[in-house]
Amino acid sequence: PASVSHNLLFLLASGTEGGDQNQSLRQFVVKEFVGCLTKPNLADAFIQVIAWVLGEYAMDEANMTVSQTTAQLCELLQWKHLNLETRSYIIMALLKCLSKQENKIKCPVIIR
């Protein structure tokens, strides 16, 4: 499973030969992953991949707003079963999103 996650992230990051194909692939993956967030009990490894993808591509490739992306990530942080490594992926993705925002956005979740 770790190699599958790594290969998917490598494909998304490096892309293929065509720029339009890269953008289409990233848009598709972001849309699919956001849809997966409604499903309960996702594996931590999968949530780590989702967080990384949202932090990297949700706003640039899929035209999600910073508010939409941070709201999705803040909801993830509320899931009780997540381990610390997975929470760190989510926090990293939040920081990436917030660094792209000119105005300050408040995250309603208190990180403990």
PDB file of N, CA and C in Angstrom:
ATOM      1  N   PRO A   1       0.807  -1.219   0.000  1.00  0.00           N
ATOM      2  CA  PRO A   1       0.000   0.000   0.000  1.00  0.00           C
ATOM      3  C   PRO A   1       0.844   1.275   0.000  1.00  0.00           C
ATOM      4  N   ALA A   2       1.977   1.261   0.707  1.00  0.00           N
ATOM      5  CA  ALA A   2       2.801   2.465   0.748  1.00  0.00           C
ATOM      6  C   ALA A   2       3.385   2.761  -0.624  1.00  0.00           C
ATOM      7  N   SER A   3       3.768   1.714  -1.362  1.00  0.00           N
ATOM      8  CA  SER A   3       4.328   1.946  -2.691  1.00  0.00           C
ATOM      9  C   SER A   3       3.264   2.455  -3.651  1.00  0.00           C
ATOM     10  N   VAL A   4       2.026   2.006  -3.492  1.00  0.00           N
ATOM     11  CA  VAL A   4       0.932   2.497  -4.335  1.00  0.00           C
ATOM     12  C   VAL A   4       0.711   3.979  -4.073  1.00  0.00           C
ATOM     13  N   SER A   5       0.689   4.357  -2.807  1.00  0.00           N
ATOM     14  CA  SER A   5       0.524   5.770  -2.446  1.00  0.00           C
ATOM     15  C   SER A   5       1.664   6.598  -3.014  1.00  0.00           C
ATOM     16  N   HIS A   6       2.876   6.104  -2.839  1.00  0.00           N
ATOM     17  CA  HIS A   6       4.050   6.817  -3.336  1.00  0.00           C
ATOM     18  C   HIS A   6       3.994   6.978  -4.854  1.00  0.00           C
ATOM     19  N   ASN A   7       3.639   5.918  -5.562  1.00  0.00           N
ATOM     20  CA  ASN A   7       3.574   5.976  -7.020  1.00  0.00           C
ATOM     21  C   ASN A   7       2.504   6.950  -7.502  1.00  0.00           C
ATOM     22  N   LEU A   8       1.364   6.970  -6.831  1.00  0.00           N
ATOM     23  CA  LEU A   8       0.310   7.911  -7.204  1.00  0.00           C
ATOM     24  C   LEU A   8       0.770   9.349  -6.992  1.00  0.00           C
ATOM     25  N   LEU A   9       1.380   9.631  -5.859  1.00  0.00           N
ATOM     26  CA  LEU A   9       1.856  10.985  -5.586  1.00  0.00           C
ATOM     27  C   LEU A   9       2.960  11.379  -6.565  1.00  0.00           C
ATOM     28  N   PHE A  10       3.825  10.429  -6.916  1.00  0.00           N
ATOM     29  CA  PHE A  10       4.879  10.712  -7.887  1.00  0.00           C
ATOM     30  C   PHE A  10       4.286  11.035  -9.255  1.00  0.00           C
ATOM     31  N   LEU A  11       3.281  10.267  -9.678  1.00  0.00           N
ATOM     32  CA  LEU A  11       2.619  10.519 -10.959  1.00  0.00           C
ATOM     33  C   LEU A  11       1.970  11.890 -10.975  1.00  0.00           C
ATOM     34  N   LEU A  12       1.289  12.238  -9.903  1.00  0.00           N
ATOM     35  CA  LEU A  12       0.633  13.544  -9.837  1.00  0.00           C
ATOM     36  C   LEU A  12       1.649  14.682  -9.826  1.00  0.00           C
ATOM     37  N   ALA A  13       2.731  14.497  -9.107  1.00  0.00           N
ATOM     38  CA  ALA A  13       3.735  15.561  -8.997  1.00  0.00           C
ATOM     39  C   ALA A  13       4.537  15.737 -10.276  1.00  0.00           C
ATOM     40  N   SER A  14       4.938  14.630 -10.883  1.00  0.00           N
ATOM     41  CA  SER A  14       5.785  14.731 -12.074  1.00  0.00           C
ATOM     42  C   SER A  14       4.976  14.875 -13.346  1.00  0.00           C
ATOM     43  N   GLY A  15       3.768  14.357 -13.342  1.00  0.00           N
ATOM     44  CA  GLY A  15       2.908  14.480 -14.508  1.00  0.00           C
ATOM     45  C   GLY A  15       3.290  13.542 -15.632  1.00  0.00           C
ATOM     46  N   THR A  16       2.645  13.777 -16.750  1.00  0.00           N
ATOM     47  CA  THR A  16       2.919  13.005 -17.956  1.00  0.00           C
ATOM     48  C   THR A  16       3.492  13.958 -18.987  1.00  0.00           C
ATOM     49  N   GLU A  17       3.437  13.597 -20.224  1.00  0.00           N
ATOM     50  CA  GLU A  17       4.039  14.420 -21.265  1.00  0.00           C
ATOM     51  C   GLU A  17       3.247  15.691 -21.558  1.00  0.00           C
ATOM     52  N   GLY A  18       1.940  15.676 -21.415  1.00  0.00           N
ATOM     53  CA  GLY A  18       1.122  16.821 -21.798  1.00  0.00           C
ATOM     54  C   GLY A  18       0.655  17.647 -20.616  1.00  0.00           C
ATOM     55  N   GLY A  19       0.767  18.963 -20.723  1.00  0.00           N
ATOM     56  CA  GLY A  19       0.343  19.855 -19.650  1.00  0.00           C
ATOM     57  C   GLY A  19      -1.151  19.797 -19.393  1.00  0.00           C
ATOM     58  N   ASP A  20      -1.958  19.743 -20.460  1.00  0.00           N
ATOM     59  CA  ASP A  20      -3.410  19.672 -20.297  1.00  0.00           C
ATOM     60  C   ASP A  20      -3.830  18.354 -19.658  1.00  0.00           C
ATOM     61  N   GLN A  21      -3.122  17.282 -20.008  1.00  0.00           N
ATOM     62  CA  GLN A  21      -3.429  15.984 -19.417  1.00  0.00           C
ATOM     63  C   GLN A  21      -3.099  15.983 -17.930  1.00  0.00           C
ATOM     64  N   ASN A  22      -2.018  16.631 -17.561  1.00  0.00           N
ATOM     65  CA  ASN A  22      -1.646  16.726 -16.146  1.00  0.00           C
ATOM     66  C   ASN A  22      -2.728  17.440 -15.360  1.00  0.00           C
ATOM     67  N   GLN A  23      -3.180  18.565 -15.879  1.00  0.00           N
ATOM     68  CA  GLN A  23      -4.204  19.339 -15.191  1.00  0.00           C
ATOM     69  C   GLN A  23      -5.502  18.547 -15.092  1.00  0.00           C
ATOM     70  N   SER A  24      -5.887  17.872 -16.163  1.00  0.00           N
ATOM     71  CA  SER A  24      -7.114  17.064 -16.149  1.00  0.00           C
ATOM     72  C   SER A  24      -7.014  15.939 -15.125  1.00  0.00           C
ATOM     73  N   LEU A  25      -5.856  15.288 -15.077  1.00  0.00           N
ATOM     74  CA  LEU A  25      -5.656  14.207 -14.111  1.00  0.00           C
ATOM     75  C   LEU A  25      -5.754  14.739 -12.683  1.00  0.00           C
ATOM     76  N   ARG A  26      -5.105  15.849 -12.421  1.00  0.00           N
ATOM     77  CA  ARG A  26      -5.132  16.423 -11.069  1.00  0.00           C
ATOM     78  C   ARG A  26      -6.535  16.878 -10.684  1.00  0.00           C
ATOM     79  N   GLN A  27      -7.256  17.483 -11.614  1.00  0.00           N
ATOM     80  CA  GLN A  27      -8.633  17.894 -11.345  1.00  0.00           C
ATOM     81  C   GLN A  27      -9.494  16.682 -11.007  1.00  0.00           C
ATOM     82  N   PHE A  28      -9.337  15.619 -11.782  1.00  0.00           N
ATOM     83  CA  PHE A  28     -10.106  14.397 -11.553  1.00  0.00           C
ATOM     84  C   PHE A  28      -9.806  13.818 -10.176  1.00  0.00           C
ATOM     85  N   VAL A  29      -8.518  13.732  -9.835  1.00  0.00           N
ATOM     86  CA  VAL A  29      -8.127  13.139  -8.557  1.00  0.00           C
ATOM     87  C   VAL A  29      -8.654  13.975  -7.393  1.00  0.00           C
ATOM     88  N   VAL A  30      -8.530  15.300  -7.479  1.00  0.00           N
ATOM     89  CA  VAL A  30      -9.047  16.156  -6.403  1.00  0.00           C
ATOM     90  C   VAL A  30     -10.545  15.940  -6.239  1.00  0.00           C
ATOM     91  N   LYS A  31     -11.283  15.938  -7.340  1.00  0.00           N
ATOM     92  CA  LYS A  31     -12.739  15.744  -7.272  1.00  0.00           C
ATOM     93  C   LYS A  31     -13.094  14.397  -6.646  1.00  0.00           C
ATOM     94  N   GLU A  32     -12.416  13.355  -7.072  1.00  0.00           N
ATOM     95  CA  GLU A  32     -12.685  12.021  -6.529  1.00  0.00           C
ATOM     96  C   GLU A  32     -12.343  11.932  -5.043  1.00  0.00           C
ATOM     97  N   PHE A  33     -11.205  12.512  -4.661  1.00  0.00           N
ATOM     98  CA  PHE A  33     -10.793  12.443  -3.264  1.00  0.00           C
ATOM     99  C   PHE A  33     -11.727  13.242  -2.369  1.00  0.00           C
ATOM    100  N   VAL A  34     -12.179  14.394  -2.816  1.00  0.00           N
ATOM    101  CA  VAL A  34     -13.140  15.163  -2.020  1.00  0.00           C
ATOM    102  C   VAL A  34     -14.420  14.339  -1.836  1.00  0.00           C
ATOM    103  N   GLY A  35     -14.830  13.636  -2.873  1.00  0.00           N
ATOM    104  CA  GLY A  35     -15.994  12.755  -2.763  1.00  0.00           C
ATOM    105  C   GLY A  35     -15.788  11.624  -1.778  1.00  0.00           C
ATOM    106  N   CYS A  36     -14.573  11.142  -1.662  1.00  0.00           N
ATOM    107  CA  CYS A  36     -14.266  10.055  -0.721  1.00  0.00           C
ATOM    108  C   CYS A  36     -14.379  10.500   0.733  1.00  0.00           C
ATOM    109  N   LEU A  37     -14.268  11.791   0.979  1.00  0.00           N
ATOM    110  CA  LEU A  37     -14.271  12.282   2.361  1.00  0.00           C
ATOM    111  C   LEU A  37     -15.615  12.092   3.058  1.00  0.00           C
ATOM    112  N   THR A  38     -16.644  11.754   2.322  1.00  0.00           N
ATOM    113  CA  THR A  38     -17.946  11.503   2.934  1.00  0.00           C
ATOM    114  C   THR A  38     -18.057  10.072   3.449  1.00  0.00           C
ATOM    115  N   LYS A  39     -17.086   9.242   3.112  1.00  0.00           N
ATOM    116  CA  LYS A  39     -17.117   7.839   3.525  1.00  0.00           C
ATOM    117  C   LYS A  39     -16.444   7.691   4.889  1.00  0.00           C
ATOM    118  N   PRO A  40     -17.064   6.913   5.778  1.00  0.00           N
ATOM    119  CA  PRO A  40     -16.470   6.729   7.108  1.00  0.00           C
ATOM    120  C   PRO A  40     -15.311   5.731   7.073  1.00  0.00           C
ATOM    121  N   ASN A  41     -14.456   5.836   8.058  1.00  0.00           N
ATOM    122  CA  ASN A  41     -13.394   4.856   8.308  1.00  0.00           C
ATOM    123  C   ASN A  41     -12.413   4.671   7.145  1.00  0.00           C
ATOM    124  N   LEU A  42     -11.968   5.765   6.583  1.00  0.00           N
ATOM    125  CA  LEU A  42     -10.918   5.675   5.571  1.00  0.00           C
ATOM    126  C   LEU A  42      -9.598   5.356   6.264  1.00  0.00           C
ATOM    127  N   ALA A  43      -8.750   4.631   5.593  1.00  0.00           N
ATOM    128  CA  ALA A  43      -7.446   4.269   6.148  1.00  0.00           C
ATOM    129  C   ALA A  43      -6.571   5.512   6.279  1.00  0.00           C
ATOM    130  N   ASP A  44      -5.733   5.527   7.295  1.00  0.00           N
ATOM    131  CA  ASP A  44      -4.850   6.668   7.518  1.00  0.00           C
ATOM    132  C   ASP A  44      -3.961   6.945   6.302  1.00  0.00           C
ATOM    133  N   ALA A  45      -3.445   5.888   5.681  1.00  0.00           N
ATOM    134  CA  ALA A  45      -2.567   6.079   4.517  1.00  0.00           C
ATOM    135  C   ALA A  45      -3.312   6.790   3.392  1.00  0.00           C
ATOM    136  N   PHE A  46      -4.573   6.454   3.196  1.00  0.00           N
ATOM    137  CA  PHE A  46      -5.372   7.092   2.152  1.00  0.00           C
ATOM    138  C   PHE A  46      -5.661   8.549   2.521  1.00  0.00           C
ATOM    139  N   ILE A  47      -5.939   8.819   3.764  1.00  0.00           N
ATOM    140  CA  ILE A  47      -6.191  10.195   4.205  1.00  0.00           C
ATOM    141  C   ILE A  47      -4.927  11.041   4.041  1.00  0.00           C
ATOM    142  N   GLN A  48      -3.769  10.447   4.280  1.00  0.00           N
ATOM    143  CA  GLN A  48      -2.506  11.167   4.065  1.00  0.00           C
ATOM    144  C   GLN A  48      -2.361  11.578   2.599  1.00  0.00           C
ATOM    145  N   VAL A  49      -2.692  10.663   1.697  1.00  0.00           N
ATOM    146  CA  VAL A  49      -2.628  10.969   0.266  1.00  0.00           C
ATOM    147  C   VAL A  49      -3.635  12.060  -0.081  1.00  0.00           C
ATOM    148  N   ILE A  50      -4.852  11.950   0.438  1.00  0.00           N
ATOM    149  CA  ILE A  50      -5.884  12.962   0.171  1.00  0.00           C
ATOM    150  C   ILE A  50      -5.416  14.330   0.662  1.00  0.00           C
ATOM    151  N   ALA A  51      -4.875  14.384   1.868  1.00  0.00           N
ATOM    152  CA  ALA A  51      -4.413  15.661   2.422  1.00  0.00           C
ATOM    153  C   ALA A  51      -3.313  16.254   1.556  1.00  0.00           C
ATOM    154  N   TRP A  52      -2.364  15.436   1.142  1.00  0.00           N
ATOM    155  CA  TRP A  52      -1.271  15.935   0.301  1.00  0.00           C
ATOM    156  C   TRP A  52      -1.813  16.482  -1.020  1.00  0.00           C
ATOM    157  N   VAL A  53      -2.725  15.733  -1.639  1.00  0.00           N
ATOM    158  CA  VAL A  53      -3.296  16.152  -2.926  1.00  0.00           C
ATOM    159  C   VAL A  53      -4.078  17.449  -2.768  1.00  0.00           C
ATOM    160  N   LEU A  54      -4.878  17.568  -1.724  1.00  0.00           N
ATOM    161  CA  LEU A  54      -5.640  18.803  -1.516  1.00  0.00           C
ATOM    162  C   LEU A  54      -4.710  19.988  -1.274  1.00  0.00           C
ATOM    163  N   GLY A  55      -3.672  19.775  -0.484  1.00  0.00           N
ATOM    164  CA  GLY A  55      -2.732  20.854  -0.221  1.00  0.00           C
ATOM    165  C   GLY A  55      -1.987  21.305  -1.459  1.00  0.00           C
ATOM    166  N   GLU A  56      -1.680  20.377  -2.340  1.00  0.00           N
ATOM    167  CA  GLU A  56      -0.913  20.695  -3.545  1.00  0.00           C
ATOM    168  C   GLU A  56      -1.775  21.229  -4.686  1.00  0.00           C
ATOM    169  N   TYR A  57      -2.949  20.613  -4.901  1.00  0.00           N
ATOM    170  CA  TYR A  57      -3.646  20.843  -6.160  1.00  0.00           C
ATOM    171  C   TYR A  57      -5.083  21.348  -6.073  1.00  0.00           C
ATOM    172  N   ALA A  58      -5.685  21.363  -4.905  1.00  0.00           N
ATOM    173  CA  ALA A  58      -7.103  21.710  -4.841  1.00  0.00           C
ATOM    174  C   ALA A  58      -7.391  23.100  -5.396  1.00  0.00           C
ATOM    175  N   MET A  59      -6.557  24.056  -5.085  1.00  0.00           N
ATOM    176  CA  MET A  59      -6.829  25.423  -5.527  1.00  0.00           C
ATOM    177  C   MET A  59      -6.258  25.715  -6.906  1.00  0.00           C
ATOM    178  N   ASP A  60      -5.059  25.240  -7.177  1.00  0.00           N
ATOM    179  CA  ASP A  60      -4.403  25.555  -8.446  1.00  0.00           C
ATOM    180  C   ASP A  60      -4.986  24.768  -9.612  1.00  0.00           C
ATOM    181  N   GLU A  61      -5.222  23.496  -9.419  1.00  0.00           N
ATOM    182  CA  GLU A  61      -5.640  22.639 -10.522  1.00  0.00           C
ATOM    183  C   GLU A  61      -7.153  22.417 -10.578  1.00  0.00           C
ATOM    184  N   ALA A  62      -7.806  22.407  -9.427  1.00  0.00           N
ATOM    185  CA  ALA A  62      -9.234  22.069  -9.392  1.00  0.00           C
ATOM    186  C   ALA A  62     -10.117  23.277  -9.109  1.00  0.00           C
ATOM    187  N   ASN A  63      -9.511  24.438  -9.027  1.00  0.00           N
ATOM    188  CA  ASN A  63     -10.247  25.685  -8.834  1.00  0.00           C
ATOM    189  C   ASN A  63     -11.114  25.708  -7.576  1.00  0.00           C
ATOM    190  N   MET A  64     -10.693  24.995  -6.549  1.00  0.00           N
ATOM    191  CA  MET A  64     -11.363  25.118  -5.259  1.00  0.00           C
ATOM    192  C   MET A  64     -10.815  26.365  -4.586  1.00  0.00           C
ATOM    193  N   THR A  65     -11.630  27.013  -3.790  1.00  0.00           N
ATOM    194  CA  THR A  65     -11.167  28.187  -3.065  1.00  0.00           C
ATOM    195  C   THR A  65     -10.398  27.749  -1.829  1.00  0.00           C
ATOM    196  N   VAL A  66      -9.657  28.680  -1.267  1.00  0.00           N
ATOM    197  CA  VAL A  66      -8.937  28.394  -0.030  1.00  0.00           C
ATOM    198  C   VAL A  66      -9.939  28.028   1.062  1.00  0.00           C
ATOM    199  N   SER A  67     -11.050  28.740   1.114  1.00  0.00           N
ATOM    200  CA  SER A  67     -12.068  28.458   2.133  1.00  0.00           C
ATOM    201  C   SER A  67     -12.627  27.047   1.993  1.00  0.00           C
ATOM    202  N   GLN A  68     -12.915  26.642   0.760  1.00  0.00           N
ATOM    203  CA  GLN A  68     -13.441  25.287   0.539  1.00  0.00           C
ATOM    204  C   GLN A  68     -12.423  24.230   0.953  1.00  0.00           C
ATOM    205  N   THR A  69     -11.195  24.445   0.557  1.00  0.00           N
ATOM    206  CA  THR A  69     -10.148  23.462   0.844  1.00  0.00           C
ATOM    207  C   THR A  69      -9.860  23.379   2.334  1.00  0.00           C
ATOM    208  N   THR A  70      -9.732  24.532   2.985  1.00  0.00           N
ATOM    209  CA  THR A  70      -9.445  24.500   4.423  1.00  0.00           C
ATOM    210  C   THR A  70     -10.621  23.919   5.200  1.00  0.00           C
ATOM    211  N   ALA A  71     -11.828  24.162   4.754  1.00  0.00           N
ATOM    212  CA  ALA A  71     -12.996  23.581   5.431  1.00  0.00           C
ATOM    213  C   ALA A  71     -12.940  22.054   5.361  1.00  0.00           C
ATOM    214  N   GLN A  72     -12.594  21.515   4.192  1.00  0.00           N
ATOM    215  CA  GLN A  72     -12.472  20.059   4.041  1.00  0.00           C
ATOM    216  C   GLN A  72     -11.384  19.508   4.967  1.00  0.00           C
ATOM    217  N   LEU A  73     -10.255  20.182   4.993  1.00  0.00           N
ATOM    218  CA  LEU A  73      -9.140  19.711   5.814  1.00  0.00           C
ATOM    219  C   LEU A  73      -9.447  19.843   7.306  1.00  0.00           C
ATOM    220  N   CYS A  74     -10.108  20.922   7.702  1.00  0.00           N
ATOM    221  CA  CYS A  74     -10.476  21.091   9.116  1.00  0.00           C
ATOM    222  C   CYS A  74     -11.469  20.024   9.553  1.00  0.00           C
ATOM    223  N   GLU A  75     -12.369  19.632   8.660  1.00  0.00           N
ATOM    224  CA  GLU A  75     -13.293  18.549   8.989  1.00  0.00           C
ATOM    225  C   GLU A  75     -12.535  17.242   9.206  1.00  0.00           C
ATOM    226  N   LEU A  76     -11.525  17.012   8.382  1.00  0.00           N
ATOM    227  CA  LEU A  76     -10.714  15.805   8.558  1.00  0.00           C
ATOM    228  C   LEU A  76     -10.055  15.771   9.929  1.00  0.00           C
ATOM    229  N   LEU A  77      -9.571  16.923  10.375  1.00  0.00           N
ATOM    230  CA  LEU A  77      -8.893  16.974  11.679  1.00  0.00           C
ATOM    231  C   LEU A  77      -9.812  16.583  12.829  1.00  0.00           C
ATOM    232  N   GLN A  78     -11.094  16.671  12.628  1.00  0.00           N
ATOM    233  CA  GLN A  78     -12.043  16.327  13.684  1.00  0.00           C
ATOM    234  C   GLN A  78     -12.268  14.819  13.814  1.00  0.00           C
ATOM    235  N   TRP A  79     -11.821  14.052  12.840  1.00  0.00           N
ATOM    236  CA  TRP A  79     -11.992  12.602  12.915  1.00  0.00           C
ATOM    237  C   TRP A  79     -11.155  12.063  14.067  1.00  0.00           C
ATOM    238  N   LYS A  80     -11.767  11.315  14.930  1.00  0.00           N
ATOM    239  CA  LYS A  80     -11.135  10.853  16.169  1.00  0.00           C
ATOM    240  C   LYS A  80     -10.109   9.738  15.957  1.00  0.00           C
ATOM    241  N   HIS A  81     -10.278   8.917  14.934  1.00  0.00           N
ATOM    242  CA  HIS A  81      -9.432   7.726  14.780  1.00  0.00           C
ATOM    243  C   HIS A  81      -8.083   7.993  14.114  1.00  0.00           C
ATOM    244  N   LEU A  82      -7.802   9.202  13.708  1.00  0.00           N
ATOM    245  CA  LEU A  82      -6.573   9.490  12.976  1.00  0.00           C
ATOM    246  C   LEU A  82      -5.348   9.449  13.880  1.00  0.00           C
ATOM    247  N   ASN A  83      -4.261   8.889  13.358  1.00  0.00           N
ATOM    248  CA  ASN A  83      -3.028   8.889  14.138  1.00  0.00           C
ATOM    249  C   ASN A  83      -2.296  10.221  13.962  1.00  0.00           C
ATOM    250  N   LEU A  84      -1.231  10.412  14.733  1.00  0.00           N
ATOM    251  CA  LEU A  84      -0.521  11.703  14.712  1.00  0.00           C
ATOM    252  C   LEU A  84       0.138  11.992  13.369  1.00  0.00           C
ATOM    253  N   GLU A  85       0.647  10.976  12.721  1.00  0.00           N
ATOM    254  CA  GLU A  85       1.276  11.189  11.413  1.00  0.00           C
ATOM    255  C   GLU A  85       0.255  11.696  10.398  1.00  0.00           C
ATOM    256  N   THR A  86      -0.924  11.114  10.423  1.00  0.00           N
ATOM    257  CA  THR A  86      -1.976  11.544   9.502  1.00  0.00           C
ATOM    258  C   THR A  86      -2.407  12.975   9.816  1.00  0.00           C
ATOM    259  N   ARG A  87      -2.538  13.284  11.086  1.00  0.00           N
ATOM    260  CA  ARG A  87      -2.878  14.665  11.467  1.00  0.00           C
ATOM    261  C   ARG A  87      -1.806  15.646  10.986  1.00  0.00           C
ATOM    262  N   SER A  88      -0.546  15.223  11.008  1.00  0.00           N
ATOM    263  CA  SER A  88       0.525  16.114  10.546  1.00  0.00           C
ATOM    264  C   SER A  88       0.421  16.359   9.036  1.00  0.00           C
ATOM    265  N   TYR A  89       0.006  15.361   8.280  1.00  0.00           N
ATOM    266  CA  TYR A  89      -0.228  15.557   6.840  1.00  0.00           C
ATOM    267  C   TYR A  89      -1.336  16.586   6.617  1.00  0.00           C
ATOM    268  N   ILE A  90      -2.385  16.495   7.407  1.00  0.00           N
ATOM    269  CA  ILE A  90      -3.510  17.427   7.264  1.00  0.00           C
ATOM    270  C   ILE A  90      -3.077  18.837   7.632  1.00  0.00           C
ATOM    271  N   ILE A  91      -2.336  18.965   8.710  1.00  0.00           N
ATOM    272  CA  ILE A  91      -1.857  20.287   9.134  1.00  0.00           C
ATOM    273  C   ILE A  91      -0.919  20.876   8.083  1.00  0.00           C
ATOM    274  N   MET A  92      -0.065  20.037   7.502  1.00  0.00           N
ATOM    275  CA  MET A  92       0.828  20.509   6.446  1.00  0.00           C
ATOM    276  C   MET A  92       0.013  21.008   5.245  1.00  0.00           C
ATOM    277  N   ALA A  93      -1.018  20.282   4.882  1.00  0.00           N
ATOM    278  CA  ALA A  93      -1.867  20.699   3.762  1.00  0.00           C
ATOM    279  C   ALA A  93      -2.583  22.013   4.086  1.00  0.00           C
ATOM    280  N   LEU A  94      -3.041  22.161   5.330  1.00  0.00           N
ATOM    281  CA  LEU A  94      -3.669  23.421   5.750  1.00  0.00           C
ATOM    282  C   LEU A  94      -2.703  24.590   5.617  1.00  0.00           C
ATOM    283  N   LEU A  95      -1.482  24.385   6.045  1.00  0.00           N
ATOM    284  CA  LEU A  95      -0.486  25.452   5.954  1.00  0.00           C
ATOM    285  C   LEU A  95      -0.190  25.822   4.503  1.00  0.00           C
ATOM    286  N   LYS A  96      -0.140  24.834   3.623  1.00  0.00           N
ATOM    287  CA  LYS A  96       0.057  25.113   2.197  1.00  0.00           C
ATOM    288  C   LYS A  96      -1.091  25.960   1.662  1.00  0.00           C
ATOM    289  N   CYS A  97      -2.298  25.582   2.028  1.00  0.00           N
ATOM    290  CA  CYS A  97      -3.471  26.329   1.552  1.00  0.00           C
ATOM    291  C   CYS A  97      -3.475  27.752   2.088  1.00  0.00           C
ATOM    292  N   LEU A  98      -3.224  27.882   3.359  1.00  0.00           N
ATOM    293  CA  LEU A  98      -3.259  29.206   3.979  1.00  0.00           C
ATOM    294  C   LEU A  98      -2.140  30.097   3.478  1.00  0.00           C
ATOM    295  N   SER A  99      -1.018  29.516   3.072  1.00  0.00           N
ATOM    296  CA  SER A  99       0.080  30.327   2.548  1.00  0.00           C
ATOM    297  C   SER A  99      -0.270  30.934   1.192  1.00  0.00           C
ATOM    298  N   LYS A 100      -1.245  30.365   0.516  1.00  0.00           N
ATOM    299  CA  LYS A 100      -1.677  30.883  -0.785  1.00  0.00           C
ATOM    300  C   LYS A 100      -2.760  31.943  -0.662  1.00  0.00           C
ATOM    301  N   GLN A 101      -3.234  32.173   0.543  1.00  0.00           N
ATOM    302  CA  GLN A 101      -4.325  33.117   0.793  1.00  0.00           C
ATOM    303  C   GLN A 101      -3.776  34.458   1.240  1.00  0.00           C
ATOM    304  N   GLU A 102      -4.281  35.515   0.662  1.00  0.00           N
ATOM    305  CA  GLU A 102      -3.840  36.847   1.067  1.00  0.00           C
ATOM    306  C   GLU A 102      -4.467  37.281   2.386  1.00  0.00           C
ATOM    307  N   ASN A 103      -5.730  36.970   2.582  1.00  0.00           N
ATOM    308  CA  ASN A 103      -6.426  37.335   3.818  1.00  0.00           C
ATOM    309  C   ASN A 103      -6.352  36.179   4.798  1.00  0.00           C
ATOM    310  N   LYS A 104      -6.411  36.484   6.060  1.00  0.00           N
ATOM    311  CA  LYS A 104      -6.348  35.440   7.082  1.00  0.00           C
ATOM    312  C   LYS A 104      -7.675  34.693   7.146  1.00  0.00           C
ATOM    313  N   ILE A 105      -7.567  33.369   7.317  1.00  0.00           N
ATOM    314  CA  ILE A 105      -8.734  32.516   7.459  1.00  0.00           C
ATOM    315  C   ILE A 105      -8.586  31.780   8.785  1.00  0.00           C
ATOM    316  N   LYS A 106      -9.662  31.726   9.525  1.00  0.00           N
ATOM    317  CA  LYS A 106      -9.615  31.021  10.804  1.00  0.00           C
ATOM    318  C   LYS A 106     -10.091  29.590  10.619  1.00  0.00           C
ATOM    319  N   CYS A 107      -9.354  28.672  11.195  1.00  0.00           N
ATOM    320  CA  CYS A 107      -9.736  27.260  11.181  1.00  0.00           C
ATOM    321  C   CYS A 107     -10.481  26.996  12.486  1.00  0.00           C
ATOM    322  N   PRO A 108     -11.705  26.479  12.408  1.00  0.00           N
ATOM    323  CA  PRO A 108     -12.519  26.321  13.615  1.00  0.00           C
ATOM    324  C   PRO A 108     -12.092  25.176  14.520  1.00  0.00           C
ATOM    325  N   VAL A 109     -11.075  24.454  14.175  1.00  0.00           N
ATOM    326  CA  VAL A 109     -10.673  23.290  14.960  1.00  0.00           C
ATOM    327  C   VAL A 109      -9.507  23.649  15.875  1.00  0.00           C
ATOM    328  N   ILE A 110      -9.608  23.223  17.100  1.00  0.00           N
ATOM    329  CA  ILE A 110      -8.504  23.399  18.047  1.00  0.00           C
ATOM    330  C   ILE A 110      -7.682  22.115  17.997  1.00  0.00           C
ATOM    331  N   ILE A 111      -6.413  22.256  17.688  1.00  0.00           N
ATOM    332  CA  ILE A 111      -5.531  21.093  17.568  1.00  0.00           C
ATOM    333  C   ILE A 111      -4.961  20.769  18.938  1.00  0.00           C
ATOM    334  N   ARG A 112      -5.158  19.549  19.356  1.00  0.00           N
ATOM    335  CA  ARG A 112      -4.710  19.125  20.676  1.00  0.00           C
ATOM    336  C   ARG A 112      -3.589  18.142  20.551  1.00  0.00           C
TER     337      ARG A 112
END
